[in-house]
Amino acid sequence: MLSLAAGHTGLAYGSAFALQEQSGSGLGNAFAGGAAAAEDASTIFTNPAGMSRLTGMQAATAGSLICPSVKFSNNGSVPATFQSLGGEGGDAGGCAVVPGLYFAMPINGQWSVGLGVNAPFGLKTEYDSDWIGRFQAVKSKIETINVNPAVSFKANDMVTIGGGVNYQHLKAELTNRVNYAGAIGQAAAAAAAAGQIPAAAITPILTAYSGAQTDAKITGNDGAWGWNIGVLVNIDPQTRFGASYRSTVKYNVNGNAEFTNPGVPTLPASLAPVAGALANAVNAVLANGGINLDIKLPDTANVSIFRQLDSKWDVMADAQYTGWGTVQNLTVVRSTGSVLSNTPENFRNTWRGSVGANYHYNDQWMLRGGFAYDQSPIRDAQRTPRLPDNNRTWVSFGAQYKISPQLALDAGYTYIFVKDPNINQNAGSTSGNALLLGTYKSNVNIAAAQLTYTFK
């Protein structure tokens, strides 16, 4: 009974939910050259050493509107025991705003300090509550906030180093449905085999429970610490190289599991006590209570180059490594010590590459463009409906308008092509969770804006 309930919880904390979208200025270049560009205070996140390039005290506020579309197409899915198949779930994507706030200030010719507040990880998908995969996922929502004080030191005209500490807070909500009828069926078969109930009682009890489901919700939160470092090298007046690293962040998530179990259906008087005993056995497993999950979110490393070709053109490139291999197996444990869910993820480490260019049209206008290719850490065999991710290709463009010598407005747009992900997933049990078999069509639209003010 315990293993059946664990399969039903369908937790998938470890999907690919890192967010690149930390500034409005970087989006137009697909975040190419991020560790070397250092054109405004958002460099605190991409490379704190870049604060040395700012000419004065500066504040920047950014917002990115991220709108993914996630649509499943059925191709031979199998319903769970005693349940109807259900629909295809609608569009599981939904728009969300990712904020960013940055402040940087030079202390003297060598030292600068700054503070960044942003959201480095996030996820939101939500399917129709009666869809085929409802016993694996309905709603998945993960939110983070990161507070990053940083400092940079300009060793000489060529080399600057920087670093910071990061306090992150994570909040999660995951919901799905549980095949309660299937759990009753398994309990009834076990009880009959042990001679605890007559075999003749099984059919009428299962008929009465046919289609019964439970709503399950997992919520949790935690705060944790990390750090980031970077170096910026001016190779010549037109060329600079940047490298940065952000550490892993280890969470010990505490929260609650909640189940809304149905009542005992109307049955003949002779069967009601039997059904009640079976329901009590199932409800003891599907019981509300505290939970705990340990998860280590990945580290990232970037190397970037920025080159000013002439008075009109800049070009840039970036390579990013993300250590998603920290997410291999996720075990959710009740406060009693029993295992509620054990989910293999087997994430792989990934690379992201991007190139971009700026065109300085005049003193007020600058146009941007960029391309990127982004690997997914999710292996085909472990893909889940929480976030059916796959490799992605970015196409980006944007512009900067200088409203005044002190105030600049950046805007950017990105369209992300997602390679069609196939899914063949039963979360360990087709009878309990259904077999979700088919293909997703996914894409992402992103729009961002940023205001940057440089104080006199």
Protein backbone atom coordinates (compact mmCIF):
# COMPACT_ATOMS: atom_id res chain seq x y z
CA MET A 1 0.00 0.00 0.00
CA LEU A 2 2.82 2.42 0.81
CA SER A 3 4.51 1.97 -2.57
CA LEU A 4 1.22 2.59 -4.38
CA ALA A 5 0.65 5.85 -2.52
CA ALA A 6 4.20 6.97 -3.15
CA GLY A 7 3.73 6.54 -6.87
CA HIS A 8 0.60 8.63 -6.73
CA THR A 9 2.26 11.68 -5.25
CA GLY A 10 4.18 12.12 -8.49
CA LEU A 11 6.65 14.69 -7.17
CA ALA A 12 9.00 16.21 -9.74
CA TYR A 13 10.86 18.97 -7.96
CA GLY A 14 13.93 18.64 -10.15
CA SER A 15 12.76 19.73 -13.58
CA ALA A 16 14.83 22.17 -15.70
CA PHE A 17 13.62 25.39 -14.15
CA ALA A 18 16.67 27.67 -14.15
CA LEU A 19 15.88 31.18 -15.37
CA GLN A 20 18.25 33.08 -17.65
CA GLU A 21 15.99 36.13 -17.70
CA GLN A 22 17.68 38.38 -15.16
CA SER A 23 17.78 41.65 -17.12
CA GLY A 24 16.04 43.51 -19.91
CA SER A 25 19.29 44.61 -21.52
CA GLY A 26 20.67 41.07 -21.86
CA LEU A 27 17.53 39.51 -23.35
CA GLY A 28 17.95 41.29 -26.69
CA ASN A 29 21.31 39.51 -27.17
CA ALA A 30 20.03 36.10 -25.90
CA PHE A 31 22.34 36.83 -22.93
CA ALA A 32 25.41 36.39 -25.12
CA GLY A 33 28.56 37.86 -23.61
CA GLY A 34 26.91 38.13 -20.21
CA ALA A 35 30.08 37.75 -18.15
CA ALA A 36 31.98 40.28 -20.31
CA ALA A 37 29.43 42.89 -21.45
CA ALA A 38 29.07 44.62 -18.05
CA GLU A 39 27.08 47.53 -19.46
CA ASP A 40 24.83 48.16 -16.44
CA ALA A 41 24.26 47.19 -12.80
CA SER A 42 22.67 43.82 -13.72
CA THR A 43 26.27 42.59 -14.09
CA ILE A 44 26.04 41.86 -10.35
CA PHE A 45 24.31 38.60 -11.31
CA THR A 46 26.27 37.70 -14.47
CA ASN A 47 29.73 38.81 -13.27
CA PRO A 48 30.20 41.07 -10.23
CA ALA A 49 33.66 42.09 -11.49
CA GLY A 50 31.84 44.06 -14.19
CA MET A 51 30.85 46.74 -11.68
CA SER A 52 34.29 48.27 -12.28
CA ARG A 53 33.11 49.44 -15.73
CA LEU A 54 30.26 51.56 -14.41
CA THR A 55 31.06 55.26 -14.48
CA GLY A 56 29.01 56.15 -11.41
CA MET A 57 26.36 55.08 -8.96
CA GLN A 58 23.66 53.23 -10.90
CA ALA A 59 20.26 51.62 -10.31
CA ALA A 60 18.41 49.30 -12.68
CA THR A 61 14.97 47.72 -12.47
CA ALA A 62 13.87 45.00 -14.88
CA GLY A 63 10.87 42.81 -15.52
CA SER A 64 10.54 39.82 -17.87
CA LEU A 65 7.17 38.42 -18.94
CA ILE A 66 7.66 34.71 -19.70
CA CYS A 67 4.81 32.92 -21.49
CA PRO A 68 5.39 29.24 -22.27
CA SER A 69 2.91 27.13 -24.26
CA VAL A 70 2.85 23.44 -23.30
CA LYS A 71 0.32 21.25 -25.16
CA PHE A 72 0.12 17.46 -24.95
CA SER A 73 -1.15 15.24 -27.80
CA ASN A 74 -2.23 11.72 -26.83
CA ASN A 75 -0.85 8.76 -28.77
CA GLY A 76 -1.92 5.55 -27.06
CA SER A 77 -2.14 6.48 -23.37
CA VAL A 78 -3.62 3.88 -21.02
CA PRO A 79 -6.04 4.80 -18.21
CA ALA A 80 -5.42 3.93 -14.59
CA THR A 81 -7.37 1.05 -13.06
CA PHE A 82 -11.03 1.88 -12.35
CA GLN A 83 -10.62 5.33 -14.00
CA SER A 84 -11.60 6.98 -17.27
CA LEU A 85 -8.78 8.09 -19.57
CA GLY A 86 -9.46 11.85 -19.48
CA GLY A 87 -8.56 14.69 -21.86
CA GLU A 88 -5.28 16.08 -23.18
CA GLY A 89 -4.95 18.75 -20.47
CA GLY A 90 -5.24 21.98 -22.44
CA ASP A 91 -2.31 24.42 -22.50
CA ALA A 92 -0.32 23.80 -19.31
CA GLY A 93 1.75 26.92 -19.83
CA GLY A 94 1.01 30.24 -18.17
CA CYS A 95 2.56 33.69 -18.10
CA ALA A 96 4.71 34.78 -15.18
CA VAL A 97 6.73 37.90 -14.41
CA VAL A 98 10.38 37.58 -13.35
CA PRO A 99 11.59 40.76 -11.59
CA GLY A 100 15.10 42.10 -11.14
CA LEU A 101 16.45 45.01 -9.12
CA TYR A 102 20.12 46.10 -9.06
CA PHE A 103 22.16 48.85 -7.44
CA ALA A 104 25.91 49.43 -7.86
CA MET A 105 28.19 52.13 -6.50
CA PRO A 106 31.92 52.84 -6.88
CA ILE A 107 33.72 53.50 -3.59
CA ASN A 108 36.94 54.73 -5.18
CA GLY A 109 39.03 53.99 -8.25
CA GLN A 110 39.50 50.35 -7.23
CA TRP A 111 36.51 49.22 -5.18
CA SER A 112 32.79 48.98 -6.06
CA VAL A 113 29.87 47.49 -4.15
CA GLY A 114 26.40 46.47 -5.25
CA LEU A 115 23.20 44.61 -4.46
CA GLY A 116 21.03 42.49 -6.74
CA VAL A 117 17.58 41.04 -6.09
CA ASN A 118 16.19 38.58 -8.63
CA ALA A 119 14.69 35.13 -9.26
CA PRO A 120 17.20 32.55 -10.58
CA PHE A 121 14.81 29.57 -10.59
CA GLY A 122 11.11 29.26 -11.36
CA LEU A 123 8.46 26.97 -12.79
CA LYS A 124 4.73 27.04 -13.46
CA THR A 125 2.66 24.47 -15.33
CA GLU A 126 -1.00 23.63 -14.76
CA TYR A 127 -3.17 21.13 -16.64
CA ASP A 128 -6.92 20.60 -16.66
CA SER A 129 -7.79 18.69 -13.48
CA ASP A 130 -9.41 15.79 -15.40
CA TRP A 131 -6.64 15.19 -17.95
CA ILE A 132 -4.92 11.89 -18.79
CA GLY A 133 -1.88 12.60 -16.63
CA ARG A 134 -3.77 13.90 -13.60
CA PHE A 135 -2.38 11.11 -11.39
CA GLN A 136 1.16 12.33 -12.18
CA ALA A 137 0.77 16.12 -12.29
CA VAL A 138 -1.84 18.87 -12.30
CA LYS A 139 -0.14 22.00 -10.99
CA SER A 140 3.57 22.66 -10.50
CA LYS A 141 4.73 26.01 -9.16
CA ILE A 142 8.19 26.86 -7.89
CA GLU A 143 9.27 30.39 -6.97
CA THR A 144 12.62 31.69 -5.75
CA ILE A 145 14.00 35.03 -4.66
CA ASN A 146 17.73 35.71 -4.51
CA VAL A 147 19.43 38.54 -2.60
CA ASN A 148 23.02 39.05 -3.77
CA PRO A 149 25.32 41.67 -2.18
CA ALA A 150 28.59 41.89 -4.13
CA VAL A 151 31.95 43.67 -4.27
CA SER A 152 34.56 44.17 -7.00
CA PHE A 153 38.25 45.07 -6.86
CA LYS A 154 40.13 46.54 -9.83
CA ALA A 155 43.65 45.21 -9.45
CA ASN A 156 44.96 47.19 -12.42
CA ASP A 157 43.80 48.55 -15.75
CA MET A 158 43.60 45.03 -17.13
CA VAL A 159 42.13 42.79 -14.40
CA THR A 160 39.14 43.14 -12.06
CA ILE A 161 37.87 40.46 -9.70
CA GLY A 162 34.51 40.34 -7.95
CA GLY A 163 32.39 38.19 -5.70
CA GLY A 164 29.27 38.04 -3.62
CA VAL A 165 27.11 35.99 -1.30
CA ASN A 166 23.59 34.86 -2.14
CA TYR A 167 20.64 34.20 0.11
CA GLN A 168 17.89 32.32 -1.73
CA HIS A 169 14.41 31.43 -0.61
CA LEU A 170 12.43 28.72 -2.40
CA LYS A 171 8.68 28.14 -2.26
CA ALA A 172 6.93 25.25 -4.00
CA GLU A 173 3.42 23.92 -4.61
CA LEU A 174 2.81 20.64 -6.43
CA THR A 175 -0.61 19.06 -6.97
CA ASN A 176 -1.97 15.94 -8.63
CA ARG A 177 -4.80 13.50 -8.20
CA VAL A 178 -4.60 10.06 -6.59
CA ASN A 179 -6.34 6.96 -7.95
CA TYR A 180 -8.29 6.27 -4.78
CA ALA A 181 -10.37 3.55 -6.44
CA GLY A 182 -7.18 1.73 -7.43
CA ALA A 183 -5.85 1.99 -3.87
CA ILE A 184 -9.09 0.52 -2.51
CA GLY A 185 -8.83 -2.29 -5.07
CA GLN A 186 -5.29 -3.13 -4.03
CA ALA A 187 -6.25 -3.08 -0.35
CA ALA A 188 -9.30 -5.28 -1.01
CA ALA A 189 -7.28 -7.86 -2.95
CA ALA A 190 -4.65 -8.02 -0.20
CA ALA A 191 -7.30 -8.37 2.52
CA ALA A 192 -9.10 -11.14 0.62
CA ALA A 193 -5.82 -13.03 0.04
CA ALA A 194 -5.17 -12.87 3.79
CA GLY A 195 -8.66 -14.17 4.55
CA GLN A 196 -9.70 -10.93 6.22
CA ILE A 197 -12.67 -10.26 3.92
CA PRO A 198 -14.74 -12.59 1.72
CA ALA A 199 -13.73 -12.58 -1.97
CA ALA A 200 -17.38 -12.02 -2.90
CA ALA A 201 -17.23 -8.56 -1.29
CA ILE A 202 -14.57 -7.24 -3.67
CA THR A 203 -16.71 -6.70 -6.80
CA PRO A 204 -19.54 -4.67 -5.22
CA ILE A 205 -17.06 -2.57 -3.22
CA LEU A 206 -14.97 -1.78 -6.30
CA THR A 207 -18.11 -0.99 -8.30
CA ALA A 208 -19.14 1.52 -5.64
CA TYR A 209 -15.66 3.12 -5.60
CA SER A 210 -15.18 3.15 -9.38
CA GLY A 211 -13.77 6.52 -10.48
CA ALA A 212 -13.02 7.70 -6.92
CA GLN A 213 -10.09 10.10 -6.70
CA THR A 214 -8.20 12.14 -4.11
CA ASP A 215 -6.68 15.58 -4.57
CA ALA A 216 -3.08 15.66 -3.34
CA LYS A 217 -1.05 18.81 -2.63
CA ILE A 218 2.54 19.18 -1.53
CA THR A 219 3.76 22.58 -0.27
CA GLY A 220 7.14 23.49 1.12
CA ASN A 221 9.77 26.20 1.49
CA ASP A 222 13.30 26.80 2.68
CA GLY A 223 16.09 29.37 2.64
CA ALA A 224 19.71 28.61 1.76
CA TRP A 225 23.05 30.28 1.02
CA GLY A 226 25.38 30.32 -1.97
CA TRP A 227 28.12 32.48 -3.49
CA ASN A 228 29.34 33.85 -6.82
CA ILE A 229 32.69 35.05 -8.16
CA GLY A 230 33.98 36.52 -11.41
CA VAL A 231 36.91 38.01 -13.25
CA LEU A 232 36.96 40.60 -16.04
CA VAL A 233 40.05 41.01 -18.24
CA ASN A 234 40.54 43.92 -20.62
CA ILE A 235 42.56 42.32 -23.38
CA ASP A 236 42.77 45.61 -25.29
CA PRO A 237 40.63 48.77 -25.42
CA GLN A 238 38.11 47.06 -27.73
CA THR A 239 38.11 43.51 -26.32
CA ARG A 240 37.35 42.07 -22.94
CA PHE A 241 37.01 38.57 -21.53
CA GLY A 242 34.85 37.55 -18.59
CA ALA A 243 34.44 34.40 -16.52
CA SER A 244 32.03 33.82 -13.66
CA TYR A 245 30.85 31.05 -11.37
CA ARG A 246 27.75 30.63 -9.22
CA SER A 247 27.79 27.94 -6.54
CA THR A 248 25.33 25.17 -5.86
CA VAL A 249 22.59 25.93 -3.35
CA LYS A 250 21.48 23.11 -1.06
CA TYR A 251 17.91 23.20 0.24
CA ASN A 252 16.31 21.22 3.02
CA VAL A 253 12.67 21.80 2.08
CA ASN A 254 10.10 21.38 4.83
CA GLY A 255 6.38 21.47 4.23
CA ASN A 256 3.14 19.52 4.24
CA ALA A 257 1.31 16.83 2.30
CA GLU A 258 -2.47 17.24 2.10
CA PHE A 259 -5.03 14.74 0.80
CA THR A 260 -8.80 15.21 0.36
CA ASN A 261 -9.92 11.60 0.59
CA PRO A 262 -13.53 10.74 -0.39
CA GLY A 263 -16.04 9.30 2.02
CA VAL A 264 -17.32 5.73 2.05
CA PRO A 265 -19.97 5.23 -0.67
CA THR A 266 -23.46 3.86 0.04
CA LEU A 267 -23.34 0.07 0.28
CA PRO A 268 -25.51 -2.72 1.72
CA ALA A 269 -25.32 -2.92 5.48
CA SER A 270 -23.34 -6.15 5.30
CA LEU A 271 -20.58 -4.52 3.22
CA ALA A 272 -20.39 -1.09 4.87
CA PRO A 273 -18.06 -2.19 7.72
CA VAL A 274 -15.79 -3.96 5.23
CA ALA A 275 -15.62 -0.88 3.00
CA GLY A 276 -15.00 1.32 6.03
CA ALA A 277 -12.07 -0.83 7.14
CA LEU A 278 -10.55 -0.70 3.66
CA ALA A 279 -10.98 3.09 3.54
CA ASN A 280 -9.28 3.44 6.92
CA ALA A 281 -6.32 1.43 5.65
CA VAL A 282 -5.98 3.58 2.53
CA ASN A 283 -6.50 6.85 4.44
CA ALA A 284 -3.73 5.89 6.85
CA VAL A 285 -1.31 5.97 3.91
CA LEU A 286 -2.89 9.00 2.23
CA ALA A 287 -2.77 11.01 5.45
CA ASN A 288 -1.98 14.68 5.93
CA GLY A 289 1.34 15.45 7.57
CA GLY A 290 4.74 17.06 7.42
CA ILE A 291 7.30 16.26 4.72
CA ASN A 292 10.98 16.91 4.03
CA LEU A 293 13.02 16.93 0.81
CA ASP A 294 16.75 17.54 0.33
CA ILE A 295 17.70 19.03 -3.05
CA LYS A 296 20.89 20.63 -4.34
CA LEU A 297 20.28 23.13 -7.15
CA PRO A 298 23.06 23.31 -9.72
CA ASP A 299 26.13 25.46 -10.04
CA THR A 300 26.84 27.42 -13.24
CA ALA A 301 30.02 28.61 -14.93
CA ASN A 302 30.25 31.13 -17.79
CA VAL A 303 32.99 32.30 -20.09
CA SER A 304 32.26 35.30 -22.34
CA ILE A 305 33.93 37.59 -24.81
CA PHE A 306 32.92 41.07 -25.94
CA ARG A 307 34.49 42.84 -28.90
CA GLN A 308 33.87 46.35 -30.20
CA LEU A 309 34.45 46.10 -33.94
CA ASP A 310 34.09 49.82 -34.70
CA SER A 311 31.99 52.80 -33.65
CA LYS A 312 28.82 51.04 -34.84
CA TRP A 313 29.16 47.32 -34.11
CA ASP A 314 29.77 45.15 -31.05
CA VAL A 315 29.88 41.34 -31.13
CA MET A 316 29.76 38.94 -28.20
CA ALA A 317 29.60 35.25 -27.31
CA ASP A 318 29.06 33.13 -24.22
CA ALA A 319 29.35 29.50 -23.15
CA GLN A 320 27.58 28.36 -19.98
CA TYR A 321 27.95 25.09 -18.08
CA THR A 322 25.24 24.03 -15.62
CA GLY A 323 25.85 21.17 -13.19
CA TRP A 324 22.37 19.65 -13.25
CA GLY A 325 23.95 16.31 -12.36
CA THR A 326 23.39 17.28 -8.70
CA VAL A 327 19.76 16.20 -9.24
CA GLN A 328 19.73 12.40 -9.48
CA ASN A 329 17.17 11.00 -7.07
CA LEU A 330 14.55 12.92 -5.09
CA THR A 331 13.23 11.36 -1.92
CA VAL A 332 10.32 12.89 -0.04
CA VAL A 333 10.19 11.74 3.57
CA ARG A 334 7.34 12.17 6.05
CA SER A 335 8.05 13.66 9.45
CA THR A 336 7.50 10.13 10.83
CA GLY A 337 10.53 8.92 8.85
CA SER A 338 8.60 6.88 6.26
CA VAL A 339 9.26 7.49 2.56
CA LEU A 340 6.35 9.14 0.76
CA SER A 341 7.97 9.33 -2.68
CA ASN A 342 11.21 8.26 -4.29
CA THR A 343 11.62 9.71 -7.79
CA PRO A 344 14.60 8.94 -10.07
CA GLU A 345 15.55 12.02 -12.12
CA ASN A 346 19.06 11.21 -13.45
CA PHE A 347 19.64 14.75 -14.72
CA ARG A 348 22.69 15.33 -16.88
CA ASN A 349 25.03 18.32 -16.90
CA THR A 350 24.31 20.77 -19.73
CA TRP A 351 25.84 23.42 -21.97
CA ARG A 352 24.36 26.60 -23.39
CA GLY A 353 25.98 28.62 -26.16
CA SER A 354 24.99 32.07 -27.40
CA VAL A 355 26.18 34.75 -29.83
CA GLY A 356 24.97 38.31 -30.25
CA ALA A 357 25.59 41.74 -31.71
CA ASN A 358 24.80 45.41 -31.02
CA TYR A 359 24.35 48.11 -33.63
CA HIS A 360 24.78 51.71 -32.45
CA TYR A 361 22.41 53.55 -34.76
CA ASN A 362 23.11 56.94 -33.18
CA ASP A 363 23.80 58.47 -29.78
CA GLN A 364 20.31 57.58 -28.54
CA TRP A 365 19.45 54.27 -30.19
CA MET A 366 21.18 50.90 -30.01
CA LEU A 367 19.74 47.78 -31.64
CA ARG A 368 20.42 44.25 -30.38
CA GLY A 369 20.18 40.68 -31.68
CA GLY A 370 21.20 37.21 -30.58
CA PHE A 371 20.90 33.44 -30.93
CA ALA A 372 21.36 30.66 -28.38
CA TYR A 373 21.20 26.88 -28.13
CA ASP A 374 20.27 25.49 -24.74
CA GLN A 375 20.56 21.81 -23.77
CA SER A 376 17.98 20.23 -21.49
CA PRO A 377 19.15 18.13 -18.53
CA ILE A 378 16.14 15.82 -18.79
CA ARG A 379 16.68 12.36 -20.23
CA ASP A 380 13.88 10.92 -22.36
CA ALA A 381 13.17 8.02 -19.98
CA GLN A 382 12.75 10.32 -16.97
CA ARG A 383 10.69 13.09 -18.63
CA THR A 384 7.62 13.94 -16.54
CA PRO A 385 4.57 16.14 -17.14
CA ARG A 386 5.70 18.54 -14.39
CA LEU A 387 7.98 20.17 -16.98
CA PRO A 388 8.26 18.22 -20.27
CA ASP A 389 11.47 19.95 -21.27
CA ASN A 390 13.75 19.41 -24.26
CA ASN A 391 16.58 21.17 -26.08
CA ARG A 392 15.81 24.78 -27.05
CA THR A 393 16.86 27.32 -29.66
CA TRP A 394 16.60 31.05 -28.88
CA VAL A 395 16.05 33.89 -31.35
CA SER A 396 16.27 37.33 -29.71
CA PHE A 397 16.20 41.00 -30.59
CA GLY A 398 15.92 44.25 -28.67
CA ALA A 399 16.80 47.92 -28.45
CA GLN A 400 18.06 50.55 -26.05
CA TYR A 401 16.84 54.15 -26.07
CA LYS A 402 18.68 56.76 -24.03
CA ILE A 403 15.97 59.04 -22.72
CA SER A 404 18.64 61.31 -21.26
CA PRO A 405 22.36 61.04 -20.49
CA GLN A 406 21.38 59.50 -17.13
CA LEU A 407 18.32 57.40 -18.04
CA ALA A 408 18.18 54.47 -20.48
CA LEU A 409 15.26 52.22 -21.46
CA ASP A 410 15.92 48.69 -22.72
CA ALA A 411 13.38 46.36 -24.27
CA GLY A 412 13.83 42.86 -25.65
CA TYR A 413 11.90 39.95 -27.11
CA THR A 414 12.81 36.27 -27.44
CA TYR A 415 11.08 33.35 -29.09
CA ILE A 416 12.24 29.91 -27.96
CA PHE A 417 11.77 26.89 -30.21
CA VAL A 418 11.51 23.73 -28.10
CA LYS A 419 12.28 20.40 -29.74
CA ASP A 420 9.09 18.32 -29.55
CA PRO A 421 9.41 16.17 -26.40
CA ASN A 422 7.99 12.66 -26.40
CA ILE A 423 6.75 11.20 -23.15
CA ASN A 424 6.23 7.59 -22.04
CA GLN A 425 5.67 7.82 -18.30
CA ASN A 426 3.64 5.92 -15.72
CA ALA A 427 5.48 7.15 -12.58
CA GLY A 428 6.12 3.53 -11.62
CA SER A 429 2.62 2.08 -12.05
CA THR A 430 0.22 2.17 -15.01
CA SER A 431 -2.60 0.76 -12.88
CA GLY A 432 -2.10 3.45 -10.27
CA ASN A 433 -1.05 6.47 -12.33
CA ALA A 434 -2.07 5.74 -15.95
CA LEU A 435 0.43 5.53 -18.82
CA LEU A 436 1.01 8.95 -20.35
CA LEU A 437 2.09 8.28 -23.93
CA GLY A 438 2.31 11.00 -26.56
CA THR A 439 4.08 14.14 -27.73
CA TYR A 440 4.26 17.74 -26.56
CA LYS A 441 4.27 20.89 -28.66
CA SER A 442 6.02 23.63 -26.73
CA ASN A 443 7.38 27.13 -27.26
CA VAL A 444 8.13 30.19 -25.15
CA ASN A 445 7.57 33.91 -25.74
CA ILE A 446 9.55 36.32 -23.57
CA ALA A 447 9.30 40.11 -23.41
CA ALA A 448 11.40 42.24 -21.08
CA ALA A 449 11.97 45.87 -20.20
CA GLN A 450 14.54 47.63 -18.05
CA LEU A 451 15.10 51.14 -16.79
CA THR A 452 18.65 52.12 -15.84
CA TYR A 453 19.51 55.37 -14.09
CA THR A 454 23.05 56.60 -13.59
CA PHE A 455 23.38 59.19 -10.84
CA LYS A 456 25.44 62.32 -11.46
